[in-house]
Amino acid sequence: MESGECKSTLQVQSALVDSVAISPDGKTIVSGSGGDNTVRVWDMESGECKSTLQVQSALVDSVAISPDGKTIVSGSGGDNTVRVWDMESGECK
């Protein structure tokens, strides 16, 4: 990032992106979208969406990744919940 140039643009169809996080190893991006109630997991190098995690009842306002890179946490103000997701399986714990 020495040049300040945009390295890539990841396009989320039909949703606002409200929050993003980068994994500690720099290989994965997680985005939270309130427009379609999803958490998306992206490959940083290829720009591909690896998985889409659906939050059934609320907007996704925030996302974070655990220091070991194995867990995603999403926050939803609509139903006042914090959800904990397994990064590999995509399951809500």
N, C-alpha and C. Protein backbone atom coordinates (compact mmCIF):
# COMPACT_ATOMS: atom_id res chain seq x y z
N MET A 1 0.82 -1.19 0.00
CA MET A 1 0.00 0.00 0.00
C MET A 1 0.86 1.26 0.00
N GLU A 2 2.09 1.13 -0.34
CA GLU A 2 2.98 2.29 -0.33
C GLU A 2 2.51 3.38 -1.29
N SER A 3 1.91 2.98 -2.42
CA SER A 3 1.50 3.95 -3.42
C SER A 3 0.18 4.62 -3.09
N GLY A 4 -0.60 4.04 -2.21
CA GLY A 4 -1.92 4.57 -1.90
C GLY A 4 -2.96 4.21 -2.94
N GLU A 5 -2.61 3.33 -3.88
CA GLU A 5 -3.54 2.91 -4.93
C GLU A 5 -4.51 1.85 -4.42
N CYS A 6 -5.70 1.83 -4.99
CA CYS A 6 -6.68 0.80 -4.67
C CYS A 6 -6.19 -0.53 -5.24
N LYS A 7 -6.08 -1.55 -4.39
CA LYS A 7 -5.60 -2.86 -4.82
C LYS A 7 -6.69 -3.65 -5.52
N SER A 8 -7.92 -3.54 -5.04
CA SER A 8 -9.04 -4.22 -5.68
C SER A 8 -10.35 -3.68 -5.13
N THR A 9 -11.43 -3.97 -5.83
CA THR A 9 -12.76 -3.58 -5.40
C THR A 9 -13.62 -4.84 -5.36
N LEU A 10 -14.22 -5.11 -4.23
CA LEU A 10 -15.09 -6.27 -4.08
C LEU A 10 -16.53 -5.78 -4.19
N GLN A 11 -17.28 -6.32 -5.13
CA GLN A 11 -18.63 -5.84 -5.38
C GLN A 11 -19.66 -6.69 -4.64
N VAL A 12 -20.43 -6.04 -3.79
CA VAL A 12 -21.53 -6.70 -3.09
C VAL A 12 -22.80 -6.30 -3.82
N GLN A 13 -23.48 -7.27 -4.40
CA GLN A 13 -24.70 -6.98 -5.16
C GLN A 13 -25.87 -6.76 -4.22
N SER A 14 -26.66 -5.77 -4.47
CA SER A 14 -27.93 -5.51 -3.81
C SER A 14 -27.87 -5.28 -2.30
N ALA A 15 -26.77 -4.80 -1.78
CA ALA A 15 -26.72 -4.56 -0.34
C ALA A 15 -25.74 -3.45 0.01
N LEU A 16 -26.06 -2.72 1.05
CA LEU A 16 -25.14 -1.74 1.61
C LEU A 16 -24.10 -2.48 2.43
N VAL A 17 -22.87 -2.02 2.40
CA VAL A 17 -21.84 -2.60 3.26
C VAL A 17 -21.71 -1.68 4.46
N ASP A 18 -22.02 -2.23 5.63
CA ASP A 18 -22.00 -1.43 6.85
C ASP A 18 -20.73 -1.59 7.67
N SER A 19 -20.02 -2.71 7.47
CA SER A 19 -18.85 -2.98 8.29
C SER A 19 -17.92 -3.94 7.58
N VAL A 20 -16.62 -3.79 7.79
CA VAL A 20 -15.64 -4.72 7.24
C VAL A 20 -14.56 -5.01 8.29
N ALA A 21 -13.94 -6.18 8.15
CA ALA A 21 -12.82 -6.56 9.01
C ALA A 21 -11.85 -7.40 8.18
N ILE A 22 -10.58 -7.35 8.54
CA ILE A 22 -9.55 -8.14 7.87
C ILE A 22 -8.96 -9.11 8.88
N SER A 23 -8.79 -10.35 8.43
CA SER A 23 -8.24 -11.38 9.31
C SER A 23 -6.81 -11.04 9.70
N PRO A 24 -6.36 -11.56 10.85
CA PRO A 24 -5.00 -11.27 11.31
C PRO A 24 -3.91 -11.66 10.31
N ASP A 25 -4.14 -12.70 9.50
CA ASP A 25 -3.13 -13.11 8.52
C ASP A 25 -3.23 -12.32 7.22
N GLY A 26 -4.23 -11.45 7.10
CA GLY A 26 -4.38 -10.60 5.93
C GLY A 26 -4.91 -11.31 4.70
N LYS A 27 -5.41 -12.53 4.84
CA LYS A 27 -5.86 -13.30 3.69
C LYS A 27 -7.37 -13.26 3.48
N THR A 28 -8.11 -12.82 4.48
CA THR A 28 -9.57 -12.87 4.42
C THR A 28 -10.16 -11.53 4.84
N ILE A 29 -11.21 -11.13 4.12
CA ILE A 29 -12.00 -9.95 4.48
C ILE A 29 -13.39 -10.44 4.83
N VAL A 30 -13.99 -9.87 5.85
CA VAL A 30 -15.37 -10.15 6.21
C VAL A 30 -16.14 -8.84 6.10
N SER A 31 -17.31 -8.89 5.43
CA SER A 31 -18.14 -7.69 5.34
C SER A 31 -19.52 -7.98 5.93
N GLY A 32 -20.10 -6.97 6.54
CA GLY A 32 -21.44 -7.08 7.08
C GLY A 32 -22.36 -6.14 6.33
N SER A 33 -23.50 -6.65 5.88
CA SER A 33 -24.43 -5.87 5.08
C SER A 33 -25.81 -5.86 5.72
N GLY A 34 -26.26 -4.67 6.06
CA GLY A 34 -27.59 -4.54 6.63
C GLY A 34 -28.69 -4.62 5.59
N GLY A 35 -28.38 -4.29 4.35
CA GLY A 35 -29.40 -4.29 3.30
C GLY A 35 -29.98 -5.66 3.01
N ASP A 36 -29.16 -6.71 3.15
CA ASP A 36 -29.67 -8.06 2.90
C ASP A 36 -29.39 -9.01 4.06
N ASN A 37 -29.00 -8.45 5.20
CA ASN A 37 -28.80 -9.24 6.43
C ASN A 37 -27.78 -10.35 6.26
N THR A 38 -26.63 -10.03 5.67
CA THR A 38 -25.62 -11.06 5.44
C THR A 38 -24.26 -10.67 6.00
N VAL A 39 -23.47 -11.70 6.24
CA VAL A 39 -22.04 -11.58 6.52
C VAL A 39 -21.37 -12.33 5.37
N ARG A 40 -20.47 -11.65 4.66
CA ARG A 40 -19.77 -12.29 3.55
C ARG A 40 -18.30 -12.47 3.90
N VAL A 41 -17.76 -13.61 3.48
CA VAL A 41 -16.35 -13.94 3.69
C VAL A 41 -15.67 -13.92 2.33
N TRP A 42 -14.63 -13.08 2.20
CA TRP A 42 -13.96 -12.86 0.93
C TRP A 42 -12.50 -13.32 0.98
N ASP A 43 -12.02 -13.84 -0.13
CA ASP A 43 -10.60 -14.13 -0.28
C ASP A 43 -9.92 -12.83 -0.70
N MET A 44 -8.97 -12.36 0.08
CA MET A 44 -8.31 -11.08 -0.18
C MET A 44 -7.57 -11.08 -1.52
N GLU A 45 -6.88 -12.16 -1.83
CA GLU A 45 -6.06 -12.21 -3.04
C GLU A 45 -6.90 -12.27 -4.32
N SER A 46 -7.88 -13.17 -4.34
CA SER A 46 -8.67 -13.37 -5.57
C SER A 46 -9.86 -12.42 -5.66
N GLY A 47 -10.33 -11.91 -4.51
CA GLY A 47 -11.52 -11.07 -4.50
C GLY A 47 -12.81 -11.86 -4.57
N GLU A 48 -12.73 -13.18 -4.50
CA GLU A 48 -13.92 -14.03 -4.56
C GLU A 48 -14.63 -14.09 -3.21
N CYS A 49 -15.97 -14.12 -3.28
CA CYS A 49 -16.76 -14.34 -2.07
C CYS A 49 -16.74 -15.84 -1.80
N LYS A 50 -16.14 -16.23 -0.68
CA LYS A 50 -16.02 -17.66 -0.34
C LYS A 50 -17.29 -18.20 0.29
N SER A 51 -18.01 -17.37 1.02
CA SER A 51 -19.28 -17.82 1.62
C SER A 51 -20.12 -16.61 2.02
N THR A 52 -21.42 -16.85 2.10
CA THR A 52 -22.37 -15.84 2.55
C THR A 52 -23.14 -16.43 3.72
N LEU A 53 -23.07 -15.77 4.85
CA LEU A 53 -23.75 -16.23 6.06
C LEU A 53 -25.01 -15.39 6.24
N GLN A 54 -26.15 -16.02 6.31
CA GLN A 54 -27.43 -15.32 6.38
C GLN A 54 -27.87 -15.13 7.83
N VAL A 55 -28.13 -13.88 8.19
CA VAL A 55 -28.68 -13.55 9.50
C VAL A 55 -30.18 -13.41 9.28
N GLN A 56 -30.97 -14.27 9.87
CA GLN A 56 -32.39 -14.36 9.55
C GLN A 56 -33.22 -13.15 9.96
N SER A 57 -32.97 -12.60 11.13
CA SER A 57 -33.96 -11.67 11.67
C SER A 57 -33.50 -10.24 11.85
N ALA A 58 -32.28 -9.89 11.41
CA ALA A 58 -31.83 -8.54 11.73
C ALA A 58 -30.76 -8.04 10.77
N LEU A 59 -30.64 -6.73 10.71
CA LEU A 59 -29.59 -6.08 9.95
C LEU A 59 -28.24 -6.39 10.59
N VAL A 60 -27.21 -6.50 9.78
CA VAL A 60 -25.86 -6.69 10.31
C VAL A 60 -25.19 -5.32 10.37
N ASP A 61 -24.93 -4.86 11.58
CA ASP A 61 -24.36 -3.53 11.78
C ASP A 61 -22.84 -3.54 11.91
N SER A 62 -22.29 -4.66 12.41
CA SER A 62 -20.85 -4.70 12.62
C SER A 62 -20.33 -6.13 12.53
N VAL A 63 -19.04 -6.25 12.18
CA VAL A 63 -18.38 -7.54 12.13
C VAL A 63 -16.97 -7.41 12.71
N ALA A 64 -16.47 -8.52 13.23
CA ALA A 64 -15.09 -8.58 13.73
C ALA A 64 -14.59 -10.00 13.55
N ILE A 65 -13.27 -10.15 13.53
CA ILE A 65 -12.64 -11.46 13.41
C ILE A 65 -11.76 -11.67 14.64
N SER A 66 -11.82 -12.87 15.19
CA SER A 66 -11.02 -13.19 16.37
C SER A 66 -9.52 -13.14 16.04
N PRO A 67 -8.67 -12.93 17.04
CA PRO A 67 -7.23 -12.87 16.81
C PRO A 67 -6.64 -14.13 16.17
N ASP A 68 -7.26 -15.31 16.41
CA ASP A 68 -6.75 -16.53 15.78
C ASP A 68 -7.32 -16.74 14.38
N GLY A 69 -8.25 -15.87 13.93
CA GLY A 69 -8.81 -15.94 12.59
C GLY A 69 -9.81 -17.05 12.39
N LYS A 70 -10.26 -17.69 13.45
CA LYS A 70 -11.17 -18.84 13.32
C LYS A 70 -12.63 -18.50 13.58
N THR A 71 -12.89 -17.31 14.09
CA THR A 71 -14.24 -16.95 14.50
C THR A 71 -14.60 -15.56 13.98
N ILE A 72 -15.84 -15.44 13.50
CA ILE A 72 -16.41 -14.15 13.10
C ILE A 72 -17.48 -13.80 14.12
N VAL A 73 -17.55 -12.54 14.48
CA VAL A 73 -18.61 -12.07 15.37
C VAL A 73 -19.37 -10.98 14.60
N SER A 74 -20.71 -11.07 14.62
CA SER A 74 -21.51 -10.03 13.97
C SER A 74 -22.47 -9.44 15.00
N GLY A 75 -22.70 -8.14 14.87
CA GLY A 75 -23.62 -7.45 15.76
C GLY A 75 -24.81 -6.93 14.99
N SER A 76 -25.99 -7.10 15.57
CA SER A 76 -27.24 -6.68 14.94
C SER A 76 -28.05 -5.84 15.92
N GLY A 77 -28.23 -4.57 15.56
CA GLY A 77 -28.99 -3.69 16.43
C GLY A 77 -30.49 -3.92 16.35
N GLY A 78 -30.97 -4.46 15.24
CA GLY A 78 -32.40 -4.67 15.06
C GLY A 78 -33.01 -5.62 16.07
N ASP A 79 -32.24 -6.66 16.44
CA ASP A 79 -32.75 -7.59 17.44
C ASP A 79 -31.83 -7.68 18.66
N ASN A 80 -30.89 -6.74 18.75
CA ASN A 80 -29.98 -6.63 19.90
C ASN A 80 -29.22 -7.93 20.16
N THR A 81 -28.62 -8.50 19.10
CA THR A 81 -27.89 -9.75 19.25
C THR A 81 -26.45 -9.63 18.78
N VAL A 82 -25.64 -10.51 19.33
CA VAL A 82 -24.28 -10.73 18.84
C VAL A 82 -24.24 -12.20 18.45
N ARG A 83 -23.84 -12.47 17.21
CA ARG A 83 -23.75 -13.85 16.75
C ARG A 83 -22.30 -14.23 16.57
N VAL A 84 -21.98 -15.47 16.92
CA VAL A 84 -20.62 -15.98 16.82
C VAL A 84 -20.62 -17.08 15.77
N TRP A 85 -19.78 -16.92 14.74
CA TRP A 85 -19.75 -17.81 13.59
C TRP A 85 -18.40 -18.53 13.50
N ASP A 86 -18.43 -19.77 13.08
CA ASP A 86 -17.21 -20.50 12.78
C ASP A 86 -16.75 -20.08 11.38
N MET A 87 -15.52 -19.58 11.26
CA MET A 87 -15.03 -19.06 9.98
C MET A 87 -15.00 -20.15 8.90
N GLU A 88 -14.59 -21.33 9.25
CA GLU A 88 -14.42 -22.40 8.26
C GLU A 88 -15.77 -22.99 7.81
N SER A 89 -16.63 -23.32 8.75
CA SER A 89 -17.89 -23.98 8.40
C SER A 89 -19.01 -23.01 8.09
N GLY A 90 -18.92 -21.78 8.60
CA GLY A 90 -19.98 -20.81 8.41
C GLY A 90 -21.16 -20.99 9.35
N GLU A 91 -21.03 -21.90 10.30
CA GLU A 91 -22.12 -22.18 11.24
C GLU A 91 -22.13 -21.16 12.37
N CYS A 92 -23.35 -20.78 12.76
CA CYS A 92 -23.52 -19.92 13.92
C CYS A 92 -23.42 -20.80 15.14
N LYS A 93 -22.47 -20.48 16.04
CA LYS A 93 -22.20 -21.34 17.21
C LYS A 93 -23.26 -21.20 18.27
